Amino acid sequence: MMIFIMLCLLFIIISVIGFIRFRVTSPYSKGIFLAVVFSILAVVCLAQNYTQSLIQGAEDGISISNQVAYWLIGEDNWTVERFKEWFELSIYFTLFLIVIYPIVMIAEKRLNRKNV
């Protein structure tokens, strides 16, 4: 369970380390941007999964409708309420990352000005 989150975190950490190693400007904000992109992908997949579960008769019961949603939710206790909960949590997390992104950009620019 949570394979998608772990793989995304690993990719982001390795990317930020690579950005720092190769002296890319604003490595942390670029890492946050990658996290925003992955988070938006998760929101879209979870939204599609949640809305698919609301359609009566679309499946024989409810099921996971895409691989990313499966990686996030796992195999246990599938309910429409759980799908909605995961979808809402992913929205809140994505909004948090979107708010953090400009803050990290400003902090990096200020630190760069002090170091120059």
C-alpha atoms as a PDB file:
ATOM      1  CA  MET A   1       0.000   0.000   0.000  1.00  0.00           C
ATOM      2  CA  MET A   2       1.061   3.588  -0.630  1.00  0.00           C
ATOM      3  CA  ILE A   3       3.543   2.526  -3.315  1.00  0.00           C
ATOM      4  CA  PHE A   4       2.805   5.663  -5.345  1.00  0.00           C
ATOM      5  CA  ILE A   5       3.571   7.960  -2.403  1.00  0.00           C
ATOM      6  CA  MET A   6       6.827   6.189  -1.568  1.00  0.00           C
ATOM      7  CA  LEU A   7       8.021   6.163  -5.178  1.00  0.00           C
ATOM      8  CA  CYS A   8       7.133   9.842  -5.604  1.00  0.00           C
ATOM      9  CA  LEU A   9       8.923  10.814  -2.388  1.00  0.00           C
ATOM     10  CA  LEU A  10      11.982   8.824  -3.412  1.00  0.00           C
ATOM     11  CA  PHE A  11      11.988  10.447  -6.872  1.00  0.00           C
ATOM     12  CA  ILE A  12      11.603  13.935  -5.373  1.00  0.00           C
ATOM     13  CA  ILE A  13      14.388  13.416  -2.815  1.00  0.00           C
ATOM     14  CA  ILE A  14      16.757  12.053  -5.463  1.00  0.00           C
ATOM     15  CA  SER A  15      15.830  14.951  -7.773  1.00  0.00           C
ATOM     16  CA  VAL A  16      16.500  17.577  -5.093  1.00  0.00           C
ATOM     17  CA  ILE A  17      19.844  15.958  -4.260  1.00  0.00           C
ATOM     18  CA  GLY A  18      20.674  15.959  -7.987  1.00  0.00           C
ATOM     19  CA  PHE A  19      19.610  19.611  -8.297  1.00  0.00           C
ATOM     20  CA  ILE A  20      21.876  20.550  -5.375  1.00  0.00           C
ATOM     21  CA  ARG A  21      24.774  18.450  -6.644  1.00  0.00           C
ATOM     22  CA  PHE A  22      24.637  19.983 -10.127  1.00  0.00           C
ATOM     23  CA  ARG A  23      24.080  23.473  -8.676  1.00  0.00           C
ATOM     24  CA  VAL A  24      20.689  24.031 -10.271  1.00  0.00           C
ATOM     25  CA  THR A  25      19.173  27.286  -9.078  1.00  0.00           C
ATOM     26  CA  SER A  26      16.281  26.964  -6.612  1.00  0.00           C
ATOM     27  CA  PRO A  27      16.573  23.198  -6.029  1.00  0.00           C
ATOM     28  CA  TYR A  28      14.059  23.053  -3.174  1.00  0.00           C
ATOM     29  CA  SER A  29      11.305  24.934  -4.983  1.00  0.00           C
ATOM     30  CA  LYS A  30      11.843  22.698  -8.011  1.00  0.00           C
ATOM     31  CA  GLY A  31      11.480  19.693  -5.713  1.00  0.00           C
ATOM     32  CA  ILE A  32       8.243  21.127  -4.311  1.00  0.00           C
ATOM     33  CA  PHE A  33       7.061  21.698  -7.876  1.00  0.00           C
ATOM     34  CA  LEU A  34       7.662  18.010  -8.667  1.00  0.00           C
ATOM     35  CA  ALA A  35       5.650  17.125  -5.556  1.00  0.00           C
ATOM     36  CA  VAL A  36       2.814  19.384  -6.762  1.00  0.00           C
ATOM     37  CA  VAL A  37       2.791  17.643 -10.151  1.00  0.00           C
ATOM     38  CA  PHE A  38       2.646  14.173  -8.584  1.00  0.00           C
ATOM     39  CA  SER A  39       0.011  15.332  -6.130  1.00  0.00           C
ATOM     40  CA  ILE A  40      -2.190  16.706  -8.900  1.00  0.00           C
ATOM     41  CA  LEU A  41      -1.843  13.365 -10.702  1.00  0.00           C
ATOM     42  CA  ALA A  42      -2.998  11.598  -7.515  1.00  0.00           C
ATOM     43  CA  VAL A  43      -5.959  14.003  -7.128  1.00  0.00           C
ATOM     44  CA  VAL A  44      -7.095  13.351 -10.689  1.00  0.00           C
ATOM     45  CA  CYS A  45      -6.823   9.577 -10.288  1.00  0.00           C
ATOM     46  CA  LEU A  46      -8.583   9.574  -6.913  1.00  0.00           C
ATOM     47  CA  ALA A  47     -11.314  11.877  -8.251  1.00  0.00           C
ATOM     48  CA  GLN A  48     -11.912   9.533 -11.158  1.00  0.00           C
ATOM     49  CA  ASN A  49     -12.007   6.576  -8.775  1.00  0.00           C
ATOM     50  CA  TYR A  50     -14.430   8.299  -6.399  1.00  0.00           C
ATOM     51  CA  THR A  51     -16.822   9.469  -9.117  1.00  0.00           C
ATOM     52  CA  GLN A  52     -16.751   6.026 -10.753  1.00  0.00           C
ATOM     53  CA  SER A  53     -17.784   4.474  -7.429  1.00  0.00           C
ATOM     54  CA  LEU A  54     -20.840   6.753  -7.310  1.00  0.00           C
ATOM     55  CA  ILE A  55     -22.295   5.370 -10.545  1.00  0.00           C
ATOM     56  CA  GLN A  56     -24.863   2.743  -9.622  1.00  0.00           C
ATOM     57  CA  GLY A  57     -24.572  -0.435 -11.628  1.00  0.00           C
ATOM     58  CA  ALA A  58     -21.268   0.469 -13.300  1.00  0.00           C
ATOM     59  CA  GLU A  59     -19.549  -2.442 -11.571  1.00  0.00           C
ATOM     60  CA  ASP A  60     -20.635  -5.481  -9.646  1.00  0.00           C
ATOM     61  CA  GLY A  61     -20.175  -3.648  -6.330  1.00  0.00           C
ATOM     62  CA  ILE A  62     -17.411  -1.055  -6.075  1.00  0.00           C
ATOM     63  CA  SER A  63     -13.866  -1.358  -7.315  1.00  0.00           C
ATOM     64  CA  ILE A  64     -10.707   0.625  -7.873  1.00  0.00           C
ATOM     65  CA  SER A  65     -10.889   2.197 -11.310  1.00  0.00           C
ATOM     66  CA  ASN A  66      -7.213   2.989 -11.990  1.00  0.00           C
ATOM     67  CA  GLN A  67      -3.754   1.817 -10.973  1.00  0.00           C
ATOM     68  CA  VAL A  68      -2.667   4.997  -9.151  1.00  0.00           C
ATOM     69  CA  ALA A  69      -5.774   4.914  -6.959  1.00  0.00           C
ATOM     70  CA  TYR A  70      -5.030   1.253  -6.240  1.00  0.00           C
ATOM     71  CA  TRP A  71      -1.456   2.083  -5.226  1.00  0.00           C
ATOM     72  CA  LEU A  72      -2.736   4.762  -2.863  1.00  0.00           C
ATOM     73  CA  ILE A  73      -5.788   3.084  -1.347  1.00  0.00           C
ATOM     74  CA  GLY A  74      -4.686  -0.527  -1.332  1.00  0.00           C
ATOM     75  CA  GLU A  75      -6.890  -3.600  -1.065  1.00  0.00           C
ATOM     76  CA  ASP A  76      -8.628  -3.174   2.291  1.00  0.00           C
ATOM     77  CA  ASN A  77     -12.158  -2.030   3.116  1.00  0.00           C
ATOM     78  CA  TRP A  78     -13.292  -0.386  -0.104  1.00  0.00           C
ATOM     79  CA  THR A  79     -16.233   1.907   0.520  1.00  0.00           C
ATOM     80  CA  VAL A  80     -17.512   5.000  -1.221  1.00  0.00           C
ATOM     81  CA  GLU A  81     -16.814   6.922   1.998  1.00  0.00           C
ATOM     82  CA  ARG A  82     -13.206   5.730   2.036  1.00  0.00           C
ATOM     83  CA  PHE A  83     -12.741   6.720  -1.600  1.00  0.00           C
ATOM     84  CA  LYS A  84     -14.167  10.153  -0.788  1.00  0.00           C
ATOM     85  CA  GLU A  85     -11.895  10.473   2.265  1.00  0.00           C
ATOM     86  CA  TRP A  86      -8.773   9.686   0.220  1.00  0.00           C
ATOM     87  CA  PHE A  87      -9.870  12.095  -2.504  1.00  0.00           C
ATOM     88  CA  GLU A  88     -10.468  14.934  -0.010  1.00  0.00           C
ATOM     89  CA  LEU A  89      -7.175  14.300   1.790  1.00  0.00           C
ATOM     90  CA  SER A  90      -5.319  14.427  -1.513  1.00  0.00           C
ATOM     91  CA  ILE A  91      -6.979  17.745  -2.352  1.00  0.00           C
ATOM     92  CA  TYR A  92      -5.941  19.238   1.001  1.00  0.00           C
ATOM     93  CA  PHE A  93      -2.387  17.958   0.599  1.00  0.00           C
ATOM     94  CA  THR A  94      -2.156  19.363  -2.930  1.00  0.00           C
ATOM     95  CA  LEU A  95      -3.449  22.750  -1.770  1.00  0.00           C
ATOM     96  CA  PHE A  96      -0.884  22.705   1.038  1.00  0.00           C
ATOM     97  CA  LEU A  97       1.922  22.049  -1.455  1.00  0.00           C
ATOM     98  CA  ILE A  98       0.644  24.800  -3.752  1.00  0.00           C
ATOM     99  CA  VAL A  99       0.695  27.260  -0.827  1.00  0.00           C
ATOM    100  CA  ILE A 100       4.171  26.122   0.274  1.00  0.00           C
ATOM    101  CA  TYR A 101       5.650  26.438  -3.229  1.00  0.00           C
ATOM    102  CA  PRO A 102       5.833  30.270  -3.404  1.00  0.00           C
ATOM    103  CA  ILE A 103       7.012  30.428   0.216  1.00  0.00           C
ATOM    104  CA  VAL A 104       9.933  28.136  -0.573  1.00  0.00           C
ATOM    105  CA  MET A 105      10.694  30.140  -3.743  1.00  0.00           C
ATOM    106  CA  ILE A 106      10.816  33.408  -1.774  1.00  0.00           C
ATOM    107  CA  ALA A 107      12.988  31.856   0.935  1.00  0.00           C
ATOM    108  CA  GLU A 108      15.429  30.510  -1.648  1.00  0.00           C
ATOM    109  CA  LYS A 109      15.687  33.864  -3.402  1.00  0.00           C
ATOM    110  CA  ARG A 110      16.363  35.628  -0.109  1.00  0.00           C
ATOM    111  CA  LEU A 111      19.020  33.112   0.846  1.00  0.00           C
ATOM    112  CA  ASN A 112      20.653  33.441  -2.590  1.00  0.00           C
ATOM    113  CA  ARG A 113      20.785  37.232  -2.250  1.00  0.00           C
ATOM    114  CA  LYS A 114      22.478  36.953   1.153  1.00  0.00           C
ATOM    115  CA  ASN A 115      25.039  34.467  -0.160  1.00  0.00           C
ATOM    116  CA  VAL A 116      25.967  36.570  -3.200  1.00  0.00           C
END
